[in-house]
Amino acid sequence: MNYYLGVDGGGSKTLAVVADSTGRIRGRGTGGCGNHQLGAELAEQSIQQAVSDALAQAGLMHTDIAHASFGLAGADREPDFAILRPLVSALGLSRYHIVCDTVIAMRAGTRQRDGVVLICGSGTNCYGVNTAGRELQIGGFGYAFGDFGGGSELAIEVFRSVIRAWEGREEPTALTELTLAALGCGSVEEMFHRYLDEGKRVPHTLAKLLFQAGPEDAVARTILERQGLELGKAASAVIRRLGMERDTFDVVLAGSVLTRGAGAELIRRVHEEVKRAAPACRLQRLEMEPVAGAILLAMDDAGEMPGPEVYEQLQRELAVKERDIAWGID
């Protein structure tokens, strides 16, 4: 029996799991922030704690792990890996690899090694790998570097749309009443001056108001459609640059905006764009925790081809708890 270690290191928490060859989870461990860009020392401590606790719960040593996979937020470029390699090496594992957390999200959402993943959580990102193993990431670096959206930016779109409607630069919107209630303000004028005078930041939680306003509100619908279009463009660019237009693969949708409340307008625009680029591709909602993808990648690298029973076991043990509404697409 072989044992595998998977680690998902994000901005708020780190999760490590140990699984055997059947996909059964033998141990779990958690830690704090695993993103070195928010503090390398903190990330190192968080990853060490999560790994140590997972191994202890499994009753295993580092030397018992056949292969380990680390999906870490911020593992985007060579300067990042220059920091992360010695950090992970210090754990004493003999065989491991480090990838961006987008990679493990994709692997968790498909039963193939090739595919594309779209992330839309606090920010956006897109990654793909073709059948030849060639990889490409587009996005993940913010608005100035070509991205649009994610929870933080969508919240700002909500806030500014309310102000524009108040000023007469935008049509009236149901977002106004929802935003004022969410922020505890009696009027848009009060909200405007409070946030301007006090230098307050727009809370990212306003993004969810777009889904509450729904398709009946033209302003909310326009924002959601733009988000879907931008995500679809990112995925289409990855598909074309990797030569995947004729392939059959999954486009995995991950991140809170896409898995916990995405409106039909947003999903429909993504669907239209990616189908135009690769007619045989399929949209697939992420239904397992991304750390499951780390386990699957570790198995891939060890040469152990996971069968249907492994996916089913991981699904039972690492299913995403919050489910999306119906998409309204074929």
C-alpha atoms as a PDB file:
ATOM      1  CA  MET A   1       0.000   0.000   0.000  1.00  0.00           C
ATOM      2  CA  ASN A   2       1.382   3.403  -0.995  1.00  0.00           C
ATOM      3  CA  TYR A   3       0.658   6.626   0.852  1.00  0.00           C
ATOM      4  CA  TYR A   4       0.381  10.076  -0.674  1.00  0.00           C
ATOM      5  CA  LEU A   5       0.471  13.573   0.801  1.00  0.00           C
ATOM      6  CA  GLY A   6      -1.496  16.453  -0.666  1.00  0.00           C
ATOM      7  CA  VAL A   7      -1.268  20.057   0.549  1.00  0.00           C
ATOM      8  CA  ASP A   8      -3.479  23.020  -0.353  1.00  0.00           C
ATOM      9  CA  GLY A   9      -1.910  26.229   0.933  1.00  0.00           C
ATOM     10  CA  GLY A  10      -4.140  29.294   0.591  1.00  0.00           C
ATOM     11  CA  GLY A  11      -4.243  32.826   1.871  1.00  0.00           C
ATOM     12  CA  SER A  12      -6.397  32.043   4.897  1.00  0.00           C
ATOM     13  CA  LYS A  13      -5.635  28.402   5.682  1.00  0.00           C
ATOM     14  CA  THR A  14      -3.552  25.380   4.767  1.00  0.00           C
ATOM     15  CA  LEU A  15      -4.974  21.870   4.506  1.00  0.00           C
ATOM     16  CA  ALA A  16      -2.848  18.714   4.317  1.00  0.00           C
ATOM     17  CA  VAL A  17      -4.207  15.205   3.805  1.00  0.00           C
ATOM     18  CA  VAL A  18      -2.608  11.776   3.653  1.00  0.00           C
ATOM     19  CA  ALA A  19      -4.348   9.207   1.470  1.00  0.00           C
ATOM     20  CA  ASP A  20      -3.599   5.601   0.582  1.00  0.00           C
ATOM     21  CA  SER A  21      -3.731   4.004  -2.878  1.00  0.00           C
ATOM     22  CA  THR A  22      -7.505   3.503  -2.631  1.00  0.00           C
ATOM     23  CA  GLY A  23      -8.172   7.190  -2.022  1.00  0.00           C
ATOM     24  CA  ARG A  24      -9.029   6.662   1.632  1.00  0.00           C
ATOM     25  CA  ILE A  25      -7.977   9.602   3.802  1.00  0.00           C
ATOM     26  CA  ARG A  26      -5.722   8.412   6.618  1.00  0.00           C
ATOM     27  CA  GLY A  27      -4.850  11.762   8.168  1.00  0.00           C
ATOM     28  CA  ARG A  28      -5.666  15.467   8.023  1.00  0.00           C
ATOM     29  CA  GLY A  29      -3.920  18.554   9.311  1.00  0.00           C
ATOM     30  CA  THR A  30      -4.582  22.272   9.134  1.00  0.00           C
ATOM     31  CA  GLY A  31      -2.547  25.422   9.466  1.00  0.00           C
ATOM     32  CA  GLY A  32      -2.837  29.135   8.861  1.00  0.00           C
ATOM     33  CA  CYS A  33      -1.882  31.178   5.805  1.00  0.00           C
ATOM     34  CA  GLY A  34       0.127  29.126   3.294  1.00  0.00           C
ATOM     35  CA  ASN A  35       0.785  31.936   0.813  1.00  0.00           C
ATOM     36  CA  HIS A  36       4.438  33.003   1.032  1.00  0.00           C
ATOM     37  CA  GLN A  37       3.578  36.329  -0.599  1.00  0.00           C
ATOM     38  CA  LEU A  38       1.743  37.231   2.601  1.00  0.00           C
ATOM     39  CA  GLY A  39       4.709  36.190   4.746  1.00  0.00           C
ATOM     40  CA  ALA A  40       7.221  33.456   4.012  1.00  0.00           C
ATOM     41  CA  GLU A  41       7.860  32.617   7.661  1.00  0.00           C
ATOM     42  CA  LEU A  42       4.147  32.330   8.426  1.00  0.00           C
ATOM     43  CA  ALA A  43       3.590  30.175   5.333  1.00  0.00           C
ATOM     44  CA  GLU A  44       6.435  27.864   6.355  1.00  0.00           C
ATOM     45  CA  GLN A  45       5.019  27.454   9.855  1.00  0.00           C
ATOM     46  CA  SER A  46       1.508  26.826   8.513  1.00  0.00           C
ATOM     47  CA  ILE A  47       2.635  24.188   6.015  1.00  0.00           C
ATOM     48  CA  GLN A  48       4.857  22.448   8.555  1.00  0.00           C
ATOM     49  CA  GLN A  49       2.046  22.309  11.098  1.00  0.00           C
ATOM     50  CA  ALA A  50      -0.510  20.980   8.610  1.00  0.00           C
ATOM     51  CA  VAL A  51       1.843  18.307   7.267  1.00  0.00           C
ATOM     52  CA  SER A  52       3.010  17.257  10.722  1.00  0.00           C
ATOM     53  CA  ASP A  53      -0.551  16.919  12.025  1.00  0.00           C
ATOM     54  CA  ALA A  54      -1.689  14.950   8.960  1.00  0.00           C
ATOM     55  CA  LEU A  55       1.191  12.496   9.280  1.00  0.00           C
ATOM     56  CA  ALA A  56       0.652  12.122  13.010  1.00  0.00           C
ATOM     57  CA  GLN A  57      -3.046  11.369  12.545  1.00  0.00           C
ATOM     58  CA  ALA A  58      -2.172   8.814   9.855  1.00  0.00           C
ATOM     59  CA  GLY A  59       0.459   7.240  12.105  1.00  0.00           C
ATOM     60  CA  LEU A  60       3.098   7.664   9.392  1.00  0.00           C
ATOM     61  CA  MET A  61       6.560   9.166   8.999  1.00  0.00           C
ATOM     62  CA  HIS A  62       7.836  11.383   6.196  1.00  0.00           C
ATOM     63  CA  THR A  63       9.688   8.383   4.794  1.00  0.00           C
ATOM     64  CA  ASP A  64       6.397   6.488   4.381  1.00  0.00           C
ATOM     65  CA  ILE A  65       5.119   8.939   1.756  1.00  0.00           C
ATOM     66  CA  ALA A  66       5.533   7.649  -1.808  1.00  0.00           C
ATOM     67  CA  HIS A  67       4.995  11.096  -3.289  1.00  0.00           C
ATOM     68  CA  ALA A  68       3.735  14.502  -2.149  1.00  0.00           C
ATOM     69  CA  SER A  69       2.123  17.363  -4.045  1.00  0.00           C
ATOM     70  CA  PHE A  70       1.952  20.955  -2.808  1.00  0.00           C
ATOM     71  CA  GLY A  71      -0.593  23.296  -4.390  1.00  0.00           C
ATOM     72  CA  LEU A  72       0.345  26.698  -3.023  1.00  0.00           C
ATOM     73  CA  ALA A  73      -1.204  30.104  -3.586  1.00  0.00           C
ATOM     74  CA  GLY A  74       1.333  32.526  -5.034  1.00  0.00           C
ATOM     75  CA  ALA A  75       3.436  29.809  -6.693  1.00  0.00           C
ATOM     76  CA  ASP A  76       3.306  31.630 -10.014  1.00  0.00           C
ATOM     77  CA  ARG A  77       6.822  32.517 -11.188  1.00  0.00           C
ATOM     78  CA  GLU A  78      10.442  31.470 -10.711  1.00  0.00           C
ATOM     79  CA  PRO A  79      11.051  34.048  -7.925  1.00  0.00           C
ATOM     80  CA  ASP A  80       8.215  32.357  -6.019  1.00  0.00           C
ATOM     81  CA  PHE A  81       9.651  28.862  -6.491  1.00  0.00           C
ATOM     82  CA  ALA A  82      13.069  30.105  -5.338  1.00  0.00           C
ATOM     83  CA  ILE A  83      11.424  30.785  -1.967  1.00  0.00           C
ATOM     84  CA  LEU A  84       9.188  27.723  -1.902  1.00  0.00           C
ATOM     85  CA  ARG A  85      11.703  25.015  -2.846  1.00  0.00           C
ATOM     86  CA  PRO A  86      13.856  25.296   0.299  1.00  0.00           C
ATOM     87  CA  LEU A  87      10.708  25.777   2.402  1.00  0.00           C
ATOM     88  CA  VAL A  88       9.228  22.466   1.220  1.00  0.00           C
ATOM     89  CA  SER A  89      12.597  20.700   1.092  1.00  0.00           C
ATOM     90  CA  ALA A  90      12.978  21.317   4.826  1.00  0.00           C
ATOM     91  CA  LEU A  91      10.034  18.986   5.453  1.00  0.00           C
ATOM     92  CA  GLY A  92      12.256  15.980   4.694  1.00  0.00           C
ATOM     93  CA  LEU A  93      10.108  14.361   1.989  1.00  0.00           C
ATOM     94  CA  SER A  94      12.005  12.343  -0.592  1.00  0.00           C
ATOM     95  CA  ARG A  95       9.649  12.836  -3.571  1.00  0.00           C
ATOM     96  CA  TYR A  96       7.456  15.885  -4.055  1.00  0.00           C
ATOM     97  CA  HIS A  97       6.573  18.678  -6.415  1.00  0.00           C
ATOM     98  CA  ILE A  98       5.217  22.203  -6.017  1.00  0.00           C
ATOM     99  CA  VAL A  99       2.543  23.772  -8.214  1.00  0.00           C
ATOM    100  CA  CYS A 100       0.211  26.745  -8.055  1.00  0.00           C
ATOM    101  CA  ASP A 101      -3.057  26.064  -6.256  1.00  0.00           C
ATOM    102  CA  THR A 102      -4.903  26.554  -9.567  1.00  0.00           C
ATOM    103  CA  VAL A 103      -3.306  23.313 -10.793  1.00  0.00           C
ATOM    104  CA  ILE A 104      -4.676  21.172  -7.976  1.00  0.00           C
ATOM    105  CA  ALA A 105      -8.113  22.767  -8.417  1.00  0.00           C
ATOM    106  CA  MET A 106      -8.137  21.633 -12.039  1.00  0.00           C
ATOM    107  CA  ARG A 107      -7.012  18.089 -11.192  1.00  0.00           C
ATOM    108  CA  ALA A 108      -9.668  17.833  -8.487  1.00  0.00           C
ATOM    109  CA  GLY A 109     -12.385  18.760 -10.960  1.00  0.00           C
ATOM    110  CA  THR A 110     -11.652  16.271 -13.740  1.00  0.00           C
ATOM    111  CA  ARG A 111     -10.790  12.606 -14.196  1.00  0.00           C
ATOM    112  CA  GLN A 112      -8.308  13.510 -16.923  1.00  0.00           C
ATOM    113  CA  ARG A 113      -4.785  14.833 -16.663  1.00  0.00           C
ATOM    114  CA  ASP A 114      -5.504  17.497 -19.291  1.00  0.00           C
ATOM    115  CA  GLY A 115      -8.041  20.285 -19.015  1.00  0.00           C
ATOM    116  CA  VAL A 116      -8.609  23.913 -18.083  1.00  0.00           C
ATOM    117  CA  VAL A 117      -9.592  25.549 -14.814  1.00  0.00           C
ATOM    118  CA  LEU A 118     -11.193  28.929 -14.231  1.00  0.00           C
ATOM    119  CA  ILE A 119     -10.849  30.424 -10.752  1.00  0.00           C
ATOM    120  CA  CYS A 120     -13.114  33.221  -9.607  1.00  0.00           C
ATOM    121  CA  GLY A 121     -12.913  33.796  -5.879  1.00  0.00           C
ATOM    122  CA  SER A 122     -11.413  36.924  -4.343  1.00  0.00           C
ATOM    123  CA  GLY A 123      -9.631  37.327  -7.697  1.00  0.00           C
ATOM    124  CA  THR A 124      -9.479  35.436 -10.984  1.00  0.00           C
ATOM    125  CA  ASN A 125      -7.058  33.007 -12.597  1.00  0.00           C
ATOM    126  CA  CYS A 126      -6.954  30.509 -15.457  1.00  0.00           C
ATOM    127  CA  TYR A 127      -4.705  27.521 -16.088  1.00  0.00           C
ATOM    128  CA  GLY A 128      -4.621  24.709 -18.615  1.00  0.00           C
ATOM    129  CA  VAL A 129      -2.578  21.660 -19.571  1.00  0.00           C
ATOM    130  CA  ASN A 130      -2.903  19.744 -22.850  1.00  0.00           C
ATOM    131  CA  THR A 131      -2.462  16.044 -23.618  1.00  0.00           C
ATOM    132  CA  ALA A 132       1.243  16.587 -24.317  1.00  0.00           C
ATOM    133  CA  GLY A 133       1.711  18.027 -20.826  1.00  0.00           C
ATOM    134  CA  ARG A 134       2.284  21.616 -21.993  1.00  0.00           C
ATOM    135  CA  GLU A 135       0.968  24.095 -19.427  1.00  0.00           C
ATOM    136  CA  LEU A 136      -0.146  27.721 -19.502  1.00  0.00           C
ATOM    137  CA  GLN A 137      -1.456  30.152 -16.907  1.00  0.00           C
ATOM    138  CA  ILE A 138      -3.250  33.354 -17.846  1.00  0.00           C
ATOM    139  CA  GLY A 139      -4.241  35.890 -15.233  1.00  0.00           C
ATOM    140  CA  GLY A 140      -3.982  35.947 -11.484  1.00  0.00           C
ATOM    141  CA  PHE A 141      -2.119  39.243 -11.202  1.00  0.00           C
ATOM    142  CA  GLY A 142      -4.922  41.806 -10.996  1.00  0.00           C
ATOM    143  CA  TYR A 143      -6.689  44.412 -13.096  1.00  0.00           C
ATOM    144  CA  ALA A 144      -3.544  46.296 -14.174  1.00  0.00           C
ATOM    145  CA  PHE A 145      -2.171  43.054 -15.633  1.00  0.00           C
ATOM    146  CA  GLY A 146      -5.260  42.245 -17.689  1.00  0.00           C
ATOM    147  CA  ASP A 147      -7.692  40.617 -15.250  1.00  0.00           C
ATOM    148  CA  PHE A 148     -11.233  41.654 -14.433  1.00  0.00           C
ATOM    149  CA  GLY A 149     -13.377  40.660 -11.518  1.00  0.00           C
ATOM    150  CA  GLY A 150     -13.311  38.278  -8.646  1.00  0.00           C
ATOM    151  CA  GLY A 151     -15.145  39.025  -5.427  1.00  0.00           C
ATOM    152  CA  SER A 152     -13.118  42.093  -4.470  1.00  0.00           C
ATOM    153  CA  GLU A 153     -13.532  43.850  -7.811  1.00  0.00           C
ATOM    154  CA  LEU A 154     -17.149  42.795  -8.228  1.00  0.00           C
ATOM    155  CA  ALA A 155     -17.900  44.384  -4.857  1.00  0.00           C
ATOM    156  CA  ILE A 156     -16.421  47.640  -6.115  1.00  0.00           C
ATOM    157  CA  GLU A 157     -18.546  47.360  -9.267  1.00  0.00           C
ATOM    158  CA  VAL A 158     -21.636  47.066  -7.049  1.00  0.00           C
ATOM    159  CA  PHE A 159     -20.604  50.059  -4.916  1.00  0.00           C
ATOM    160  CA  ARG A 160     -19.798  52.340  -7.837  1.00  0.00           C
ATOM    161  CA  SER A 161     -22.960  51.334  -9.714  1.00  0.00           C
ATOM    162  CA  VAL A 162     -25.055  52.439  -6.742  1.00  0.00           C
ATOM    163  CA  ILE A 163     -23.247  55.790  -6.697  1.00  0.00           C
ATOM    164  CA  ARG A 164     -23.591  56.205 -10.468  1.00  0.00           C
ATOM    165  CA  ALA A 165     -27.328  55.504 -10.252  1.00  0.00           C
ATOM    166  CA  TRP A 166     -27.672  58.060  -7.442  1.00  0.00           C
ATOM    167  CA  GLU A 167     -25.840  60.657  -9.502  1.00  0.00           C
ATOM    168  CA  GLY A 168     -27.836  59.905 -12.646  1.00  0.00           C
ATOM    169  CA  ARG A 169     -24.952  58.403 -14.610  1.00  0.00           C
ATOM    170  CA  GLU A 170     -26.520  54.938 -14.392  1.00  0.00           C
ATOM    171  CA  GLU A 171     -30.084  53.696 -14.463  1.00  0.00           C
ATOM    172  CA  PRO A 172     -31.822  52.908 -11.149  1.00  0.00           C
ATOM    173  CA  THR A 173     -30.872  49.531  -9.743  1.00  0.00           C
ATOM    174  CA  ALA A 174     -32.077  47.084  -7.105  1.00  0.00           C
ATOM    175  CA  LEU A 175     -28.467  47.029  -5.912  1.00  0.00           C
ATOM    176  CA  THR A 176     -29.063  50.365  -4.184  1.00  0.00           C
ATOM    177  CA  GLU A 177     -31.460  49.091  -1.538  1.00  0.00           C
ATOM    178  CA  LEU A 178     -29.458  45.909  -1.040  1.00  0.00           C
ATOM    179  CA  THR A 179     -26.181  47.795  -0.644  1.00  0.00           C
ATOM    180  CA  LEU A 180     -27.548  50.347   1.802  1.00  0.00           C
ATOM    181  CA  ALA A 181     -28.976  47.550   3.955  1.00  0.00           C
ATOM    182  CA  ALA A 182     -25.702  45.632   3.840  1.00  0.00           C
ATOM    183  CA  LEU A 183     -23.640  48.674   4.844  1.00  0.00           C
ATOM    184  CA  GLY A 184     -26.102  50.036   7.403  1.00  0.00           C
ATOM    185  CA  CYS A 185     -26.571  53.365   5.631  1.00  0.00           C
ATOM    186  CA  GLY A 186     -29.811  55.324   5.373  1.00  0.00           C
ATOM    187  CA  SER A 187     -29.082  56.857   1.981  1.00  0.00           C
ATOM    188  CA  VAL A 188     -26.591  56.771  -0.843  1.00  0.00           C
ATOM    189  CA  GLU A 189     -25.499  60.275   0.113  1.00  0.00           C
ATOM    190  CA  GLU A 190     -24.664  59.075   3.628  1.00  0.00           C
ATOM    191  CA  MET A 191     -22.792  56.077   2.196  1.00  0.00           C
ATOM    192  CA  PHE A 192     -20.884  58.258  -0.259  1.00  0.00           C
ATOM    193  CA  HIS A 193     -19.616  60.700   2.353  1.00  0.00           C
ATOM    194  CA  ARG A 194     -18.927  58.086   5.024  1.00  0.00           C
ATOM    195  CA  TYR A 195     -16.741  55.993   2.754  1.00  0.00           C
ATOM    196  CA  LEU A 196     -15.044  59.036   1.251  1.00  0.00           C
ATOM    197  CA  ASP A 197     -14.380  60.913   4.500  1.00  0.00           C
ATOM    198  CA  GLU A 198     -13.333  57.875   6.524  1.00  0.00           C
ATOM    199  CA  GLY A 199     -11.329  56.197   3.768  1.00  0.00           C
ATOM    200  CA  LYS A 200     -13.306  52.989   4.263  1.00  0.00           C
ATOM    201  CA  ARG A 201     -12.705  50.038   1.962  1.00  0.00           C
ATOM    202  CA  VAL A 202     -15.585  48.473   0.089  1.00  0.00           C
ATOM    203  CA  PRO A 203     -16.256  45.058   1.701  1.00  0.00           C
ATOM    204  CA  HIS A 204     -15.891  42.131  -0.674  1.00  0.00           C
ATOM    205  CA  THR A 205     -19.177  40.720   0.619  1.00  0.00           C
ATOM    206  CA  LEU A 206     -21.064  43.184  -1.586  1.00  0.00           C
ATOM    207  CA  ALA A 207     -20.289  40.918  -4.549  1.00  0.00           C
ATOM    208  CA  LYS A 208     -22.974  38.452  -3.464  1.00  0.00           C
ATOM    209  CA  LEU A 209     -25.614  41.168  -3.923  1.00  0.00           C
ATOM    210  CA  LEU A 210     -25.252  40.718  -7.669  1.00  0.00           C
ATOM    211  CA  PHE A 211     -26.813  37.283  -7.350  1.00  0.00           C
ATOM    212  CA  GLN A 212     -29.558  38.565  -5.065  1.00  0.00           C
ATOM    213  CA  ALA A 213     -30.508  41.281  -7.542  1.00  0.00           C
ATOM    214  CA  GLY A 214     -30.772  38.531 -10.124  1.00  0.00           C
ATOM    215  CA  PRO A 215     -31.502  38.627 -13.824  1.00  0.00           C
ATOM    216  CA  GLU A 216     -34.368  41.117 -13.387  1.00  0.00           C
ATOM    217  CA  ASP A 217     -31.937  43.949 -12.621  1.00  0.00           C
ATOM    218  CA  ALA A 218     -30.198  45.259 -15.751  1.00  0.00           C
ATOM    219  CA  VAL A 219     -27.228  46.740 -13.889  1.00  0.00           C
ATOM    220  CA  ALA A 220     -26.466  43.540 -11.960  1.00  0.00           C
ATOM    221  CA  ARG A 221     -26.976  41.468 -15.080  1.00  0.00           C
ATOM    222  CA  THR A 222     -24.516  43.600 -17.061  1.00  0.00           C
ATOM    223  CA  ILE A 223     -21.816  43.162 -14.410  1.00  0.00           C
ATOM    224  CA  LEU A 224     -22.336  39.401 -14.228  1.00  0.00           C
ATOM    225  CA  GLU A 225     -22.295  39.086 -17.998  1.00  0.00           C
ATOM    226  CA  ARG A 226     -19.029  41.006 -18.195  1.00  0.00           C
ATOM    227  CA  GLN A 227     -17.493  38.731 -15.570  1.00  0.00           C
ATOM    228  CA  GLY A 228     -18.582  35.677 -17.535  1.00  0.00           C
ATOM    229  CA  LEU A 229     -17.259  37.122 -20.779  1.00  0.00           C
ATOM    230  CA  GLU A 230     -13.867  37.913 -19.237  1.00  0.00           C
ATOM    231  CA  LEU A 231     -13.544  34.451 -17.710  1.00  0.00           C
ATOM    232  CA  GLY A 232     -14.553  32.881 -21.001  1.00  0.00           C
ATOM    233  CA  LYS A 233     -11.939  34.933 -22.852  1.00  0.00           C
ATOM    234  CA  ALA A 234      -9.225  33.759 -20.463  1.00  0.00           C
ATOM    235  CA  ALA A 235     -10.182  30.098 -20.900  1.00  0.00           C
ATOM    236  CA  SER A 236     -10.438  30.489 -24.679  1.00  0.00           C
ATOM    237  CA  ALA A 237      -6.983  32.048 -24.835  1.00  0.00           C
ATOM    238  CA  VAL A 238      -5.522  29.113 -22.904  1.00  0.00           C
ATOM    239  CA  ILE A 239      -7.345  26.624 -25.142  1.00  0.00           C
ATOM    240  CA  ARG A 240      -6.097  28.209 -28.354  1.00  0.00           C
ATOM    241  CA  ARG A 241      -2.525  28.744 -27.212  1.00  0.00           C
ATOM    242  CA  LEU A 242      -2.282  25.112 -26.093  1.00  0.00           C
ATOM    243  CA  GLY A 243      -3.861  23.823 -29.308  1.00  0.00           C
ATOM    244  CA  MET A 244      -6.803  22.195 -27.512  1.00  0.00           C
ATOM    245  CA  GLU A 245      -9.556  23.312 -29.894  1.00  0.00           C
ATOM    246  CA  ARG A 246     -10.314  19.779 -31.122  1.00  0.00           C
ATOM    247  CA  ASP A 247      -9.833  18.017 -27.771  1.00  0.00           C
ATOM    248  CA  THR A 248     -12.440  16.683 -25.361  1.00  0.00           C
ATOM    249  CA  PHE A 249     -11.768  17.899 -21.832  1.00  0.00           C
ATOM    250  CA  ASP A 250     -13.325  19.572 -18.793  1.00  0.00           C
ATOM    251  CA  VAL A 251     -13.288  23.283 -18.068  1.00  0.00           C
ATOM    252  CA  VAL A 252     -13.391  23.217 -14.276  1.00  0.00           C
ATOM    253  CA  LEU A 253     -15.095  26.132 -12.532  1.00  0.00           C
ATOM    254  CA  ALA A 254     -13.665  26.870  -9.089  1.00  0.00           C
ATOM    255  CA  GLY A 255     -13.681  29.654  -6.515  1.00  0.00           C
ATOM    256  CA  SER A 256     -16.549  30.988  -4.417  1.00  0.00           C
ATOM    257  CA  VAL A 257     -18.061  33.215  -7.115  1.00  0.00           C
ATOM    258  CA  LEU A 258     -18.414  30.242  -9.470  1.00  0.00           C
ATOM    259  CA  THR A 259     -19.333  27.502  -6.992  1.00  0.00           C
ATOM    260  CA  ARG A 260     -21.423  29.186  -4.302  1.00  0.00           C
ATOM    261  CA  GLY A 261     -23.738  31.530  -6.087  1.00  0.00           C
ATOM    262  CA  ALA A 262     -22.924  32.094  -9.739  1.00  0.00           C
ATOM    263  CA  GLY A 263     -25.865  33.518 -11.656  1.00  0.00           C
ATOM    264  CA  ALA A 264     -27.066  31.911 -14.852  1.00  0.00           C
ATOM    265  CA  GLU A 265     -25.963  34.967 -16.857  1.00  0.00           C
ATOM    266  CA  LEU A 266     -22.356  34.596 -15.755  1.00  0.00           C
ATOM    267  CA  ILE A 267     -22.201  30.850 -16.414  1.00  0.00           C
ATOM    268  CA  ARG A 268     -23.967  31.205 -19.754  1.00  0.00           C
ATOM    269  CA  ARG A 269     -21.387  33.673 -21.022  1.00  0.00           C
ATOM    270  CA  VAL A 270     -18.518  31.424 -19.922  1.00  0.00           C
ATOM    271  CA  HIS A 271     -20.233  28.509 -21.649  1.00  0.00           C
ATOM    272  CA  GLU A 272     -20.687  30.424 -24.904  1.00  0.00           C
ATOM    273  CA  GLU A 273     -17.065  31.553 -25.041  1.00  0.00           C
ATOM    274  CA  VAL A 274     -15.406  28.229 -24.260  1.00  0.00           C
ATOM    275  CA  LYS A 275     -17.709  26.266 -26.574  1.00  0.00           C
ATOM    276  CA  ARG A 276     -16.769  28.622 -29.375  1.00  0.00           C
ATOM    277  CA  ALA A 277     -13.098  27.853 -28.751  1.00  0.00           C
ATOM    278  CA  ALA A 278     -13.453  24.080 -28.141  1.00  0.00           C
ATOM    279  CA  PRO A 279     -16.863  22.642 -29.088  1.00  0.00           C
ATOM    280  CA  ALA A 280     -16.208  19.278 -27.381  1.00  0.00           C
ATOM    281  CA  CYS A 281     -15.230  20.707 -23.998  1.00  0.00           C
ATOM    282  CA  ARG A 282     -17.526  20.413 -20.969  1.00  0.00           C
ATOM    283  CA  LEU A 283     -18.139  22.795 -18.092  1.00  0.00           C
ATOM    284  CA  GLN A 284     -17.557  20.997 -14.800  1.00  0.00           C
ATOM    285  CA  ARG A 285     -18.208  22.502 -11.399  1.00  0.00           C
ATOM    286  CA  LEU A 286     -15.545  21.699  -8.805  1.00  0.00           C
ATOM    287  CA  GLU A 287     -17.163  19.160  -6.501  1.00  0.00           C
ATOM    288  CA  MET A 288     -14.153  18.099  -4.418  1.00  0.00           C
ATOM    289  CA  GLU A 289     -11.883  20.153  -2.227  1.00  0.00           C
ATOM    290  CA  PRO A 290      -8.792  21.230  -4.218  1.00  0.00           C
ATOM    291  CA  VAL A 291      -6.547  19.187  -1.913  1.00  0.00           C
ATOM    292  CA  ALA A 292      -8.035  16.105  -3.608  1.00  0.00           C
ATOM    293  CA  GLY A 293      -6.295  17.315  -6.752  1.00  0.00           C
ATOM    294  CA  ALA A 294      -2.997  17.390  -4.884  1.00  0.00           C
ATOM    295  CA  ILE A 295      -3.482  13.729  -3.944  1.00  0.00           C
ATOM    296  CA  LEU A 296      -4.329  12.829  -7.548  1.00  0.00           C
ATOM    297  CA  LEU A 297      -1.291  14.702  -8.869  1.00  0.00           C
ATOM    298  CA  ALA A 298       0.915  12.867  -6.383  1.00  0.00           C
ATOM    299  CA  MET A 299      -0.492   9.565  -7.644  1.00  0.00           C
ATOM    300  CA  ASP A 300       0.066  10.669 -11.252  1.00  0.00           C
ATOM    301  CA  ASP A 301       3.703  11.494 -10.576  1.00  0.00           C
ATOM    302  CA  ALA A 302       4.239   8.190  -8.786  1.00  0.00           C
ATOM    303  CA  GLY A 303       2.898   6.307 -11.808  1.00  0.00           C
ATOM    304  CA  GLU A 304      -0.182   5.024  -9.993  1.00  0.00           C
ATOM    305  CA  MET A 305      -3.133   5.561 -12.313  1.00  0.00           C
ATOM    306  CA  PRO A 306      -6.187   6.320 -10.144  1.00  0.00           C
ATOM    307  CA  GLY A 307      -9.230   4.279 -11.143  1.00  0.00           C
ATOM    308  CA  PRO A 308     -12.927   5.194 -10.748  1.00  0.00           C
ATOM    309  CA  GLU A 309     -12.976   3.795  -7.212  1.00  0.00           C
ATOM    310  CA  VAL A 310     -10.265   6.257  -6.132  1.00  0.00           C
ATOM    311  CA  TYR A 311     -12.240   9.230  -7.438  1.00  0.00           C
ATOM    312  CA  GLU A 312     -15.386   7.952  -5.769  1.00  0.00           C
ATOM    313  CA  GLN A 313     -13.602   7.490  -2.446  1.00  0.00           C
ATOM    314  CA  LEU A 314     -12.085  10.982  -2.593  1.00  0.00           C
ATOM    315  CA  GLN A 315     -15.503  12.380  -3.511  1.00  0.00           C
ATOM    316  CA  ARG A 316     -17.023  10.778  -0.423  1.00  0.00           C
ATOM    317  CA  GLU A 317     -14.357  12.137   1.882  1.00  0.00           C
ATOM    318  CA  LEU A 318     -13.514  15.513   0.314  1.00  0.00           C
ATOM    319  CA  ALA A 319     -16.769  16.694  -1.261  1.00  0.00           C
ATOM    320  CA  VAL A 320     -17.312  20.447  -1.431  1.00  0.00           C
ATOM    321  CA  LYS A 321     -19.956  21.165   1.194  1.00  0.00           C
ATOM    322  CA  GLU A 322     -21.596  24.182  -0.454  1.00  0.00           C
ATOM    323  CA  ARG A 323     -23.300  23.574  -3.786  1.00  0.00           C
ATOM    324  CA  ASP A 324     -24.274  25.987  -6.515  1.00  0.00           C
ATOM    325  CA  ILE A 325     -27.718  26.711  -7.902  1.00  0.00           C
ATOM    326  CA  ALA A 326     -28.759  25.192 -11.222  1.00  0.00           C
ATOM    327  CA  TRP A 327     -26.774  26.597 -14.127  1.00  0.00           C
ATOM    328  CA  GLY A 328     -29.507  26.671 -16.732  1.00  0.00           C
ATOM    329  CA  ILE A 329     -27.294  25.375 -19.567  1.00  0.00           C
ATOM    330  CA  ASP A 330     -27.079  22.073 -21.411  1.00  0.00           C
END
